[in-house]
Structures are given as structure tokens and as C-alpha cells.
Amino acid sequence: MRISVSSDMDEPVARLLLAELERRGHEVVPHGALREGDDPRWAVCSEAAAREVADGTADQAVVCCWTGTGASIAANKVRGVRAALCADGYTADGARRWNDANVLALSLRLTSGPLLTEILDAWFAAKAGQDAEDRANVAHLGRIES
């Protein structure tokens, strides 16, 4: 899977994220502070990663900033993106299953190495659910964007 990753700071957890995604066999495309010469502002690099998901050049994205909030807001401004700020595995599972989230947002401040593993395990194990109400909600999100 091709995954775009952005971070506004070159923090140890961001580097651990890159390494963990590569260890899991994913092709990783870094943005922001993770790529030399790139614009590290959270709004800019989160948008860049999210746009790759929206245009189909990436399957998913992970966007990071100190709290994760700004990165998730920026990513959600891109049409077709459903970014979810996840602080634990249960939330990551629900975001994928109930919301068909295609962008994971993480807090650089709160995400430890073990917690990162838990979140990624849940994120990649979960699939978009087929419950009619969940699908109707996701479809409604597409209409809101119009």
C-alpha cells in the first residue's frame, strides 16, 4: 500500500512512524519536516498528503502535528478525505469501520511508540463496514462537500 505521511516537526515518533510503515511493507511518501526542502507548516504538509489520497496517488495518509488537531482539520478540507484524529486503537478501529476514514491523524505529543503500534495495528486490521446506516452516513459526507 502507498501511504503519504506528513509531519510539521521532525520528531522521534514521526521517524518511528515512517520506519514502522516501511517495516509493514508499505511504500511511504514523506511530506513536510520529513522531506528535505518541503514546507513543514502543518496546514501545507497535511494538505499535500491528503491530496495524494484524494487524487489516487496514495491509498491512505497519516498526518501529524503536535496535537494532531491542525493536521486533521487541514486534511479534512480536501474533497474526498475523511481524516480521523486517533489517540488509541479503539478509536482507529472505529474510524476505519464506521467512518471509512482514509487519513489517520496523530498527535506527536501524545503518541508513544507502543501506542503508535496499537493504533496502526487497529487501523490496518479494520475495514470499512457495510452496515447500511454507516454507508448512508459516509455517503452523506460526500453530499456535504458539494
Protein backbone atom coordinates (compact mmCIF):
# COMPACT_ATOMS: atom_id res chain seq x y z
CA MET A 1 0.00 0.00 0.00
CA ARG A 2 1.26 3.51 -0.81
CA ILE A 3 0.93 5.82 2.20
CA SER A 4 1.63 9.56 2.31
CA VAL A 5 2.97 10.74 5.65
CA SER A 6 3.27 14.33 6.79
CA SER A 7 4.61 15.95 9.90
CA ASP A 8 5.26 19.57 10.75
CA MET A 9 8.14 18.56 13.03
CA ASP A 10 10.91 16.00 12.70
CA GLU A 11 10.08 14.29 15.98
CA PRO A 12 11.17 10.79 17.04
CA VAL A 13 7.59 9.44 16.84
CA ALA A 14 7.30 10.74 13.24
CA ARG A 15 10.50 8.91 12.30
CA LEU A 16 9.25 5.82 14.12
CA LEU A 17 6.03 6.06 12.09
CA LEU A 18 7.97 6.06 8.81
CA ALA A 19 10.07 3.10 9.92
CA GLU A 20 7.07 1.14 11.17
CA LEU A 21 5.09 1.67 7.97
CA GLU A 22 8.07 0.55 5.88
CA ARG A 23 8.60 -2.45 8.18
CA ARG A 24 4.99 -3.43 7.47
CA GLY A 25 5.76 -3.40 3.75
CA HIS A 26 4.16 -0.10 2.77
CA GLU A 27 5.62 2.37 0.29
CA VAL A 28 5.94 5.64 2.21
CA VAL A 29 5.89 9.13 0.69
CA PRO A 30 7.09 11.72 3.25
CA HIS A 31 5.99 15.36 3.38
CA GLY A 32 6.76 18.41 5.48
CA ALA A 33 9.57 18.17 8.01
CA LEU A 34 10.14 14.55 6.97
CA ARG A 35 11.35 15.54 3.49
CA GLU A 36 14.25 17.92 2.98
CA GLY A 37 13.22 21.17 1.32
CA ASP A 38 9.49 20.57 1.83
CA ASP A 39 7.20 23.13 3.51
CA PRO A 40 6.82 21.92 7.11
CA ARG A 41 3.79 24.03 8.06
CA TRP A 42 1.08 21.67 9.32
CA ALA A 43 -1.61 23.12 7.07
CA VAL A 44 0.57 22.80 3.97
CA CYS A 45 2.11 19.37 4.51
CA SER A 46 -1.15 17.83 5.76
CA GLU A 47 -2.92 19.12 2.67
CA ALA A 48 -0.19 17.66 0.43
CA ALA A 49 -0.54 14.20 1.97
CA ALA A 50 -4.34 14.34 1.86
CA ARG A 51 -4.36 15.46 -1.79
CA GLU A 52 -2.43 12.33 -2.73
CA VAL A 53 -5.22 10.24 -1.22
CA ALA A 54 -7.90 12.32 -2.96
CA ASP A 55 -6.21 12.10 -6.36
CA GLY A 56 -5.49 8.39 -6.01
CA THR A 57 -1.69 8.54 -5.97
CA ALA A 58 -1.74 7.28 -2.36
CA ASP A 59 -4.03 4.68 -0.83
CA GLN A 60 -4.06 6.33 2.59
CA ALA A 61 -2.24 9.02 4.54
CA VAL A 62 -1.05 9.66 8.06
CA VAL A 63 -0.82 13.33 9.04
CA CYS A 64 0.89 14.53 12.20
CA CYS A 65 1.29 17.73 14.17
CA TRP A 66 1.87 18.47 17.85
CA THR A 67 -1.77 17.86 18.87
CA GLY A 68 -2.96 16.22 15.65
CA THR A 69 -5.86 18.66 15.51
CA GLY A 70 -4.48 21.07 12.92
CA ALA A 71 -3.29 18.22 10.71
CA SER A 72 -6.74 16.61 10.80
CA ILE A 73 -8.51 19.91 10.07
CA ALA A 74 -6.24 20.63 7.09
CA ALA A 75 -6.62 17.12 5.68
CA ASN A 76 -10.41 17.26 6.02
CA LYS A 77 -10.54 20.38 3.85
CA VAL A 78 -9.54 18.22 0.87
CA ARG A 79 -12.56 16.86 -1.01
CA GLY A 80 -12.90 13.10 -0.60
CA VAL A 81 -10.77 12.89 2.52
CA ARG A 82 -12.10 11.58 5.80
CA ALA A 83 -9.36 12.20 8.35
CA ALA A 84 -9.71 10.93 11.90
CA LEU A 85 -7.61 12.03 14.87
CA CYS A 86 -6.94 8.81 16.77
CA ALA A 87 -5.33 8.54 20.19
CA ASP A 88 -5.86 4.79 20.70
CA GLY A 89 -6.54 1.59 18.85
CA TYR A 90 -10.27 1.51 19.60
CA THR A 91 -10.75 4.92 18.01
CA ALA A 92 -8.65 3.93 14.99
CA ASP A 93 -10.72 0.77 14.51
CA GLY A 94 -13.97 2.71 14.70
CA ALA A 95 -12.74 5.42 12.36
CA ARG A 96 -12.00 2.85 9.68
CA ARG A 97 -15.06 0.67 10.30
CA TRP A 98 -17.83 3.22 10.91
CA ASN A 99 -16.46 6.31 9.14
CA ASP A 100 -14.45 4.73 6.30
CA ALA A 101 -11.61 7.07 7.27
CA ASN A 102 -8.82 7.21 4.70
CA VAL A 103 -6.45 9.52 6.58
CA LEU A 104 -5.14 8.88 10.08
CA ALA A 105 -4.20 11.96 12.13
CA LEU A 106 -1.80 11.57 15.05
CA SER A 107 -0.54 13.76 17.88
CA LEU A 108 3.24 13.99 18.06
CA ARG A 109 2.91 14.97 21.73
CA LEU A 110 0.69 12.13 22.91
CA THR A 111 1.67 9.17 20.72
CA SER A 112 4.31 6.89 22.24
CA GLY A 113 5.99 4.04 20.40
CA PRO A 114 3.78 1.30 21.91
CA LEU A 115 0.65 3.39 21.36
CA LEU A 116 1.67 4.01 17.74
CA THR A 117 1.88 0.25 17.20
CA GLU A 118 -1.56 -0.25 18.77
CA ILE A 119 -3.11 2.47 16.60
CA LEU A 120 -1.53 1.17 13.39
CA ASP A 121 -2.50 -2.43 14.18
CA ALA A 122 -6.13 -1.40 14.63
CA TRP A 123 -6.14 0.96 11.63
CA PHE A 124 -4.83 -1.63 9.19
CA ALA A 125 -6.86 -4.53 10.61
CA ALA A 126 -10.19 -2.70 10.26
CA LYS A 127 -12.09 -2.39 7.01
CA ALA A 128 -14.96 -0.10 6.11
CA GLY A 129 -18.13 -1.64 7.44
CA GLN A 130 -21.07 -2.49 5.23
CA ASP A 131 -23.79 -1.54 7.72
CA ALA A 132 -26.45 0.43 5.82
CA GLU A 133 -26.54 3.27 8.35
CA ASP A 134 -22.75 3.67 8.31
CA ARG A 135 -22.68 3.65 4.49
CA ALA A 136 -25.50 6.24 4.43
CA ASN A 137 -23.56 8.49 6.78
CA VAL A 138 -20.40 8.25 4.67
CA ALA A 139 -22.44 8.96 1.53
CA HIS A 140 -23.94 11.99 3.25
CA LEU A 141 -20.43 13.33 3.87
CA GLY A 142 -19.88 13.33 0.11
CA ARG A 143 -23.04 15.38 -0.36
CA ILE A 144 -21.94 17.90 2.28
CA GLU A 145 -18.79 18.57 0.22
CA SER A 146 -20.82 19.64 -2.82
